[in-house]
Amino acid sequence: MGNSNNNIQNTNKKSSNNRNNKCDDEENEYQFVDLDPNIKRITSKEIDVKSVLDSIDNTGDFGATVLFIGTVRNYGDNGQVIGMSYEAYVGMAEKRIKNIEIEVKKKWDVKEIRVVHRVGDLKVGDNSITIAISTPHSKDAFDASQFILNKIKQDIPIWKNERLLDGNTKWVRGKDLQRQ
């Protein structure tokens, strides 16, 4: 994977400020921001998973980091899948993901959160979402990551259109998930 992700976010103000001394080229390549309304959590660019993970500032404040990577799989309820197109109401999706992060920080002792969701045309195997979360204990990290994923599937205006082997396309019906 290349270093093409312009949408890594950092909800830890201290580590965000520490990264502000990077050179202009590095600053243009990566954005490290806190819970500011201008955070970009939706991207049309390839998600650079290593950069998401590397962006977590491990100063010893936490004992667990969970990294979830959602990928486009080659099958679905409508048949064999050869690709997927994601569309989003970007402004609303950004705001709602930010609200989920705030909710998670209130519910668990979260040190850092990164959520990046990709939109556009993806092929089988491409990463569609990455969630990285750091907490003092592993159970909280796993629980919070699952909570974030469920809330995104349930509440965020992102739509999936499967491209099928038979040449057809089908919109994927959203899953009704039990509210947590």
Protein backbone atom coordinates (compact mmCIF):
# COMPACT_ATOMS: atom_id res chain seq x y z
CA MET A 1 0.00 0.00 0.00
CA GLY A 2 1.21 3.46 -0.82
CA ASN A 3 1.12 6.50 1.39
CA SER A 4 -1.91 7.89 -0.43
CA ASN A 5 -4.32 8.36 2.48
CA ASN A 6 -5.08 12.01 3.13
CA ASN A 7 -7.67 11.27 5.78
CA ILE A 8 -5.98 9.85 8.86
CA GLN A 9 -7.41 11.49 11.91
CA ASN A 10 -6.14 11.83 15.42
CA THR A 11 -8.51 12.54 18.26
CA ASN A 12 -5.64 13.01 20.71
CA LYS A 13 -4.76 16.70 20.78
CA LYS A 14 -1.30 16.11 22.28
CA SER A 15 -0.15 13.79 19.52
CA SER A 16 -1.80 15.98 16.88
CA ASN A 17 0.23 18.95 18.09
CA ASN A 18 3.42 16.87 18.16
CA ARG A 19 2.99 16.13 14.48
CA ASN A 20 2.54 19.76 13.46
CA ASN A 21 6.31 20.17 13.08
CA LYS A 22 6.45 17.91 10.00
CA CYS A 23 7.65 19.39 6.75
CA ASP A 24 5.09 20.76 4.30
CA ASP A 25 5.22 17.67 2.03
CA GLU A 26 4.46 15.34 4.94
CA GLU A 27 1.74 17.68 6.21
CA ASN A 28 0.02 17.58 2.81
CA GLU A 29 0.28 13.79 2.72
CA TYR A 30 -1.31 13.19 6.14
CA GLN A 31 -3.83 15.09 8.23
CA PHE A 32 -3.69 14.65 11.99
CA VAL A 33 -6.61 16.43 13.60
CA ASP A 34 -8.68 16.28 16.77
CA LEU A 35 -12.47 16.29 17.20
CA ASP A 36 -12.84 19.41 15.09
CA PRO A 37 -15.88 19.73 12.77
CA ASN A 38 -13.53 19.82 9.75
CA ILE A 39 -12.17 16.26 10.21
CA LYS A 40 -12.26 14.11 7.07
CA ARG A 41 -13.38 10.58 7.88
CA ILE A 42 -14.65 9.79 4.39
CA THR A 43 -12.13 9.37 1.59
CA SER A 44 -12.12 8.42 -2.07
CA LYS A 45 -8.46 7.45 -1.79
CA GLU A 46 -7.00 4.06 -0.88
CA ILE A 47 -6.86 3.61 2.90
CA ASP A 48 -3.27 3.26 4.02
CA VAL A 49 -3.78 0.88 6.96
CA LYS A 50 -0.16 1.06 8.12
CA SER A 51 -0.38 4.84 8.34
CA VAL A 52 -3.62 4.60 10.33
CA LEU A 53 -1.96 2.25 12.81
CA ASP A 54 1.32 4.20 12.89
CA SER A 55 -0.59 7.42 13.61
CA ILE A 56 -1.60 6.19 17.06
CA ASP A 57 0.70 7.92 19.51
CA ASN A 58 1.71 5.15 21.91
CA THR A 59 3.03 7.08 24.89
CA GLY A 60 2.14 4.28 27.30
CA ASP A 61 -1.31 5.64 28.16
CA PHE A 62 -3.05 2.50 26.91
CA GLY A 63 -2.52 -1.23 26.84
CA ALA A 64 -4.64 -2.30 23.87
CA THR A 65 -5.05 -1.22 20.28
CA VAL A 66 -7.60 -2.94 18.06
CA LEU A 67 -7.40 -2.49 14.30
CA PHE A 68 -10.44 -3.49 12.26
CA ILE A 69 -10.16 -3.59 8.47
CA GLY A 70 -13.29 -4.14 6.42
CA THR A 71 -12.68 -5.37 2.87
CA VAL A 72 -14.79 -5.95 -0.21
CA ARG A 73 -15.50 -9.66 -0.36
CA ASN A 74 -16.22 -11.73 -3.49
CA TYR A 75 -19.72 -12.84 -2.51
CA GLY A 76 -22.95 -11.39 -1.22
CA ASP A 77 -26.66 -12.17 -0.91
CA ASN A 78 -27.11 -11.24 -4.60
CA GLY A 79 -24.40 -13.56 -5.98
CA GLN A 80 -20.71 -13.48 -6.81
CA VAL A 81 -19.29 -9.97 -6.41
CA ILE A 82 -16.55 -8.51 -8.61
CA GLY A 83 -16.56 -5.05 -7.05
CA MET A 84 -18.47 -2.56 -4.96
CA SER A 85 -19.37 1.09 -5.32
CA TYR A 86 -19.82 3.10 -2.12
CA GLU A 87 -21.73 6.38 -2.13
CA ALA A 88 -22.20 8.71 0.80
CA TYR A 89 -23.90 11.88 1.87
CA VAL A 90 -20.44 13.05 2.90
CA GLY A 91 -21.32 16.03 5.10
CA MET A 92 -23.84 14.08 7.13
CA ALA A 93 -21.64 10.97 7.25
CA GLU A 94 -18.68 12.99 8.57
CA LYS A 95 -20.83 14.59 11.28
CA ARG A 96 -22.40 11.30 12.34
CA ILE A 97 -19.08 9.45 12.54
CA LYS A 98 -17.73 12.29 14.69
CA ASN A 99 -20.78 11.90 16.96
CA ILE A 100 -20.15 8.15 17.21
CA GLU A 101 -16.54 8.86 18.25
CA ILE A 102 -17.76 11.27 20.92
CA GLU A 103 -20.28 8.69 22.15
CA VAL A 104 -17.57 6.01 22.30
CA LYS A 105 -15.24 8.29 24.27
CA LYS A 106 -18.03 8.80 26.83
CA LYS A 107 -18.84 5.08 27.05
CA TRP A 108 -15.29 3.64 27.24
CA ASP A 109 -11.92 4.91 28.42
CA VAL A 110 -10.71 5.52 24.87
CA LYS A 111 -7.34 7.15 24.33
CA GLU A 112 -7.44 7.42 20.52
CA ILE A 113 -9.84 6.64 17.68
CA ARG A 114 -9.29 6.57 13.92
CA VAL A 115 -12.18 5.89 11.56
CA VAL A 116 -11.69 6.09 7.80
CA HIS A 117 -14.39 4.93 5.35
CA ARG A 118 -13.75 4.81 1.65
CA VAL A 119 -16.23 5.77 -1.06
CA GLY A 120 -16.12 5.25 -4.82
CA ASP A 121 -15.48 2.15 -6.92
CA LEU A 122 -13.62 -0.60 -5.08
CA LYS A 123 -12.52 -4.02 -6.27
CA VAL A 124 -12.60 -7.29 -4.36
CA GLY A 125 -9.99 -7.18 -1.61
CA ASP A 126 -9.89 -3.37 -1.34
CA ASN A 127 -10.22 -1.91 2.15
CA SER A 128 -13.54 -0.14 2.61
CA ILE A 129 -13.23 0.86 6.27
CA THR A 130 -10.55 1.00 8.92
CA ILE A 131 -11.20 1.48 12.61
CA ALA A 132 -8.29 1.80 15.02
CA ILE A 133 -9.02 2.29 18.70
CA SER A 134 -6.77 2.38 21.75
CA THR A 135 -7.88 1.81 25.33
CA PRO A 136 -6.21 0.79 28.60
CA HIS A 137 -7.73 -2.74 28.38
CA SER A 138 -8.40 -5.11 25.48
CA LYS A 139 -12.08 -5.82 26.23
CA ASP A 140 -12.94 -2.13 25.93
CA ALA A 141 -10.99 -1.83 22.67
CA PHE A 142 -12.81 -4.80 21.10
CA ASP A 143 -16.23 -3.71 22.42
CA ALA A 144 -15.77 -0.12 21.27
CA SER A 145 -14.57 -1.19 17.81
CA GLN A 146 -17.60 -3.46 17.34
CA PHE A 147 -19.89 -0.69 18.60
CA ILE A 148 -18.41 1.77 16.07
CA LEU A 149 -18.81 -0.68 13.18
CA ASN A 150 -22.42 -1.47 14.13
CA LYS A 151 -23.30 2.21 14.47
CA ILE A 152 -21.74 3.00 11.09
CA LYS A 153 -23.73 0.22 9.41
CA GLN A 154 -26.88 1.34 11.17
CA ASP A 155 -26.74 5.14 11.22
CA ILE A 156 -24.36 6.50 8.59
CA PRO A 157 -25.64 7.52 5.12
CA ILE A 158 -23.27 5.32 3.13
CA TRP A 159 -24.74 3.08 0.44
CA LYS A 160 -23.24 0.00 -1.22
CA ASN A 161 -23.90 -1.09 -4.80
CA GLU A 162 -22.53 -4.54 -5.66
CA ARG A 163 -21.12 -5.20 -9.12
CA LEU A 164 -21.93 -8.84 -9.84
CA LEU A 165 -20.20 -11.44 -12.00
CA ASP A 166 -23.33 -11.74 -14.17
CA GLY A 167 -23.00 -8.05 -15.17
CA ASN A 168 -25.81 -6.75 -12.97
CA THR A 169 -25.54 -4.33 -10.09
CA LYS A 170 -27.59 -4.50 -6.91
CA TRP A 171 -27.94 -2.04 -4.06
CA VAL A 172 -27.24 -3.78 -0.78
CA ARG A 173 -30.02 -3.44 1.73
CA GLY A 174 -28.77 -2.12 5.05
CA LYS A 175 -28.77 -4.43 8.03
CA ASP A 176 -31.09 -3.72 10.92
CA LEU A 177 -28.75 -4.07 13.87
CA GLN A 178 -29.78 -4.27 17.49
CA ARG A 179 -29.26 -0.87 19.08
CA GLN A 180 -26.57 -0.86 21.74
